[in-house]
Amino acid sequence: MRITIMSPLDRQFFGGTDSFDMEARTLFGLLGKLEELAPGFAELADLRVSFAVDGVIEPDWSASLASASEVVVLAKIAGG
């Protein structure tokens, strides 16, 4: 599936690369694969990252990605 990393995460963790093709069964599995590419990413993900699966924010990182075609990795936006 296509993995798109949105700014500023692409620059901060992936050297400016903003997309990858990879497979994972769950968002937790995807997080592990992204951690292999960018050590330290997983440690900050819980506080700083949201995932959109096929255009919908997915809060359950154990949800199946079996039918997903795209996952977008977004920086969380803090509100006041």
N, C-alpha and C. Protein backbone atom coordinates (compact mmCIF):
# COMPACT_ATOMS: atom_id res chain seq x y z
N MET A 1 0.85 -1.17 0.00
CA MET A 1 0.00 0.00 0.00
C MET A 1 0.89 1.24 0.00
N ARG A 2 0.34 2.34 -0.39
CA ARG A 2 1.08 3.61 -0.44
C ARG A 2 1.03 4.25 0.95
N ILE A 3 2.20 4.63 1.46
CA ILE A 3 2.32 5.34 2.73
C ILE A 3 2.80 6.75 2.40
N THR A 4 2.03 7.75 2.78
CA THR A 4 2.40 9.15 2.54
C THR A 4 2.71 9.80 3.88
N ILE A 5 3.88 10.41 3.96
CA ILE A 5 4.32 11.09 5.19
C ILE A 5 4.18 12.59 4.96
N MET A 6 3.33 13.23 5.74
CA MET A 6 3.09 14.66 5.57
C MET A 6 4.16 15.47 6.31
N SER A 7 4.34 16.69 5.84
CA SER A 7 5.26 17.64 6.45
C SER A 7 4.73 18.04 7.83
N PRO A 8 5.54 18.27 8.79
CA PRO A 8 7.00 18.28 8.82
C PRO A 8 7.62 16.93 9.15
N LEU A 9 6.80 15.88 9.32
CA LEU A 9 7.33 14.58 9.71
C LEU A 9 8.27 14.01 8.66
N ASP A 10 7.97 14.26 7.37
CA ASP A 10 8.85 13.75 6.32
C ASP A 10 10.27 14.29 6.46
N ARG A 11 10.39 15.57 6.75
CA ARG A 11 11.71 16.18 6.89
C ARG A 11 12.37 15.80 8.22
N GLN A 12 11.59 15.79 9.29
CA GLN A 12 12.15 15.53 10.62
C GLN A 12 12.65 14.10 10.80
N PHE A 13 12.00 13.15 10.16
CA PHE A 13 12.32 11.75 10.42
C PHE A 13 12.79 10.95 9.20
N PHE A 14 12.39 11.35 8.01
CA PHE A 14 12.62 10.52 6.83
C PHE A 14 13.47 11.21 5.76
N GLY A 15 14.23 12.21 6.16
CA GLY A 15 15.15 12.87 5.23
C GLY A 15 14.48 13.52 4.05
N GLY A 16 13.22 13.92 4.20
CA GLY A 16 12.49 14.57 3.13
C GLY A 16 11.71 13.62 2.23
N THR A 17 11.91 12.32 2.39
CA THR A 17 11.14 11.35 1.60
C THR A 17 9.71 11.36 2.12
N ASP A 18 8.76 11.55 1.20
CA ASP A 18 7.37 11.70 1.65
C ASP A 18 6.45 10.54 1.28
N SER A 19 6.99 9.49 0.67
CA SER A 19 6.12 8.34 0.38
C SER A 19 6.93 7.06 0.28
N PHE A 20 6.27 5.98 0.63
CA PHE A 20 6.85 4.64 0.61
C PHE A 20 5.77 3.68 0.15
N ASP A 21 6.16 2.55 -0.39
CA ASP A 21 5.26 1.44 -0.63
C ASP A 21 5.66 0.34 0.33
N MET A 22 4.74 -0.08 1.19
CA MET A 22 5.02 -1.15 2.14
C MET A 22 3.72 -1.78 2.58
N GLU A 23 3.83 -2.97 3.14
CA GLU A 23 2.67 -3.70 3.63
C GLU A 23 2.77 -3.87 5.14
N ALA A 24 1.64 -3.83 5.80
CA ALA A 24 1.55 -4.09 7.24
C ALA A 24 0.12 -4.53 7.53
N ARG A 25 -0.03 -5.36 8.54
CA ARG A 25 -1.37 -5.84 8.90
C ARG A 25 -2.16 -4.83 9.71
N THR A 26 -1.46 -4.03 10.52
CA THR A 26 -2.11 -3.04 11.38
C THR A 26 -1.27 -1.77 11.38
N LEU A 27 -1.81 -0.71 11.97
CA LEU A 27 -1.03 0.51 12.11
C LEU A 27 0.14 0.30 13.07
N PHE A 28 -0.03 -0.55 14.08
CA PHE A 28 1.10 -0.88 14.96
C PHE A 28 2.23 -1.52 14.14
N GLY A 29 1.86 -2.43 13.24
CA GLY A 29 2.85 -3.06 12.37
C GLY A 29 3.52 -2.05 11.46
N LEU A 30 2.74 -1.13 10.92
CA LEU A 30 3.29 -0.08 10.07
C LEU A 30 4.24 0.80 10.87
N LEU A 31 3.86 1.12 12.08
CA LEU A 31 4.72 1.93 12.94
C LEU A 31 6.08 1.25 13.15
N GLY A 32 6.07 -0.05 13.34
CA GLY A 32 7.31 -0.80 13.48
C GLY A 32 8.19 -0.70 12.25
N LYS A 33 7.58 -0.77 11.07
CA LYS A 33 8.34 -0.66 9.83
C LYS A 33 8.88 0.76 9.64
N LEU A 34 8.09 1.75 10.01
CA LEU A 34 8.57 3.13 9.91
C LEU A 34 9.70 3.38 10.91
N GLU A 35 9.63 2.75 12.06
CA GLU A 35 10.70 2.86 13.06
C GLU A 35 12.02 2.30 12.52
N GLU A 36 11.94 1.23 11.73
CA GLU A 36 13.15 0.67 11.12
C GLU A 36 13.81 1.69 10.19
N LEU A 37 13.00 2.48 9.49
CA LEU A 37 13.52 3.50 8.57
C LEU A 37 13.99 4.75 9.30
N ALA A 38 13.33 5.07 10.40
CA ALA A 38 13.61 6.31 11.13
C ALA A 38 13.63 6.02 12.63
N PRO A 39 14.76 5.52 13.14
CA PRO A 39 14.84 5.22 14.58
C PRO A 39 14.45 6.43 15.43
N GLY A 40 13.59 6.17 16.41
CA GLY A 40 13.09 7.23 17.28
C GLY A 40 11.69 7.69 16.91
N PHE A 41 11.24 7.36 15.70
CA PHE A 41 9.92 7.78 15.25
C PHE A 41 8.81 7.18 16.12
N ALA A 42 8.89 5.90 16.42
CA ALA A 42 7.84 5.23 17.19
C ALA A 42 7.70 5.81 18.59
N GLU A 43 8.81 6.20 19.17
CA GLU A 43 8.79 6.75 20.53
C GLU A 43 7.94 8.02 20.61
N LEU A 44 7.95 8.82 19.57
CA LEU A 44 7.20 10.07 19.56
C LEU A 44 5.82 9.96 18.92
N ALA A 45 5.56 8.84 18.25
CA ALA A 45 4.34 8.71 17.46
C ALA A 45 3.07 8.88 18.29
N ASP A 46 3.02 8.30 19.47
CA ASP A 46 1.80 8.37 20.28
C ASP A 46 1.38 9.81 20.56
N LEU A 47 2.35 10.67 20.77
CA LEU A 47 2.05 12.07 21.09
C LEU A 47 1.93 12.95 19.86
N ARG A 48 2.60 12.60 18.77
CA ARG A 48 2.73 13.53 17.65
C ARG A 48 2.11 13.09 16.34
N VAL A 49 1.60 11.85 16.24
CA VAL A 49 1.19 11.31 14.95
C VAL A 49 -0.26 10.83 14.96
N SER A 50 -0.95 11.10 13.85
CA SER A 50 -2.25 10.51 13.55
C SER A 50 -2.12 9.78 12.22
N PHE A 51 -2.94 8.74 12.03
CA PHE A 51 -2.94 8.00 10.78
C PHE A 51 -4.31 8.15 10.13
N ALA A 52 -4.32 8.41 8.82
CA ALA A 52 -5.55 8.40 8.04
C ALA A 52 -5.46 7.21 7.09
N VAL A 53 -6.44 6.32 7.18
CA VAL A 53 -6.48 5.13 6.34
C VAL A 53 -7.56 5.36 5.28
N ASP A 54 -7.13 5.39 4.03
CA ASP A 54 -8.04 5.65 2.91
C ASP A 54 -8.90 6.89 3.17
N GLY A 55 -8.27 7.93 3.70
CA GLY A 55 -8.92 9.22 3.87
C GLY A 55 -9.66 9.44 5.18
N VAL A 56 -9.64 8.46 6.08
CA VAL A 56 -10.37 8.57 7.34
C VAL A 56 -9.38 8.38 8.50
N ILE A 57 -9.39 9.33 9.45
CA ILE A 57 -8.52 9.21 10.62
C ILE A 57 -8.89 7.94 11.38
N GLU A 58 -7.88 7.11 11.66
CA GLU A 58 -8.09 5.84 12.36
C GLU A 58 -7.44 5.90 13.74
N PRO A 59 -8.24 6.02 14.80
CA PRO A 59 -7.68 6.10 16.14
C PRO A 59 -7.23 4.74 16.70
N ASP A 60 -7.73 3.65 16.13
CA ASP A 60 -7.41 2.30 16.62
C ASP A 60 -6.22 1.74 15.83
N TRP A 61 -5.05 1.79 16.43
CA TRP A 61 -3.84 1.36 15.74
C TRP A 61 -3.77 -0.16 15.58
N SER A 62 -4.72 -0.90 16.16
CA SER A 62 -4.76 -2.35 15.97
C SER A 62 -5.73 -2.74 14.86
N ALA A 63 -6.39 -1.77 14.23
CA ALA A 63 -7.34 -2.04 13.16
C ALA A 63 -6.63 -2.66 11.96
N SER A 64 -7.31 -3.57 11.28
CA SER A 64 -6.74 -4.25 10.12
C SER A 64 -6.53 -3.29 8.95
N LEU A 65 -5.41 -3.46 8.26
CA LEU A 65 -5.13 -2.70 7.05
C LEU A 65 -5.28 -3.57 5.80
N ALA A 66 -5.91 -4.73 5.94
CA ALA A 66 -5.99 -5.70 4.84
C ALA A 66 -6.58 -5.11 3.56
N SER A 67 -7.57 -4.25 3.67
CA SER A 67 -8.20 -3.69 2.47
C SER A 67 -7.76 -2.26 2.18
N ALA A 68 -6.80 -1.75 2.92
CA ALA A 68 -6.37 -0.35 2.75
C ALA A 68 -5.49 -0.21 1.51
N SER A 69 -5.66 0.91 0.82
CA SER A 69 -4.79 1.21 -0.33
C SER A 69 -3.82 2.33 -0.02
N GLU A 70 -4.15 3.16 1.00
CA GLU A 70 -3.26 4.27 1.35
C GLU A 70 -3.37 4.58 2.84
N VAL A 71 -2.22 4.89 3.43
CA VAL A 71 -2.17 5.40 4.80
C VAL A 71 -1.40 6.70 4.75
N VAL A 72 -1.98 7.75 5.32
CA VAL A 72 -1.30 9.04 5.41
C VAL A 72 -0.89 9.24 6.86
N VAL A 73 0.37 9.58 7.05
CA VAL A 73 0.93 9.83 8.38
C VAL A 73 0.95 11.34 8.58
N LEU A 74 0.17 11.82 9.56
CA LEU A 74 -0.01 13.25 9.79
C LEU A 74 0.49 13.65 11.17
N ALA A 75 0.98 14.86 11.26
CA ALA A 75 1.31 15.43 12.56
C ALA A 75 0.02 15.83 13.25
N LYS A 76 -0.12 15.46 14.53
CA LYS A 76 -1.30 15.89 15.30
C LYS A 76 -1.28 17.40 15.44
N ILE A 77 -2.45 17.98 15.46
CA ILE A 77 -2.59 19.42 15.64
C ILE A 77 -3.15 19.67 17.02
N ALA A 78 -2.45 20.45 17.81
CA ALA A 78 -2.90 20.77 19.17
C ALA A 78 -3.89 21.91 19.12
N GLY A 79 -4.88 21.84 19.98
CA GLY A 79 -5.87 22.90 20.06
C GLY A 79 -5.87 23.53 21.44
N GLY A 80 -6.50 24.68 21.53
CA GLY A 80 -6.48 25.37 22.81
C GLY A 80 -7.80 25.49 23.43
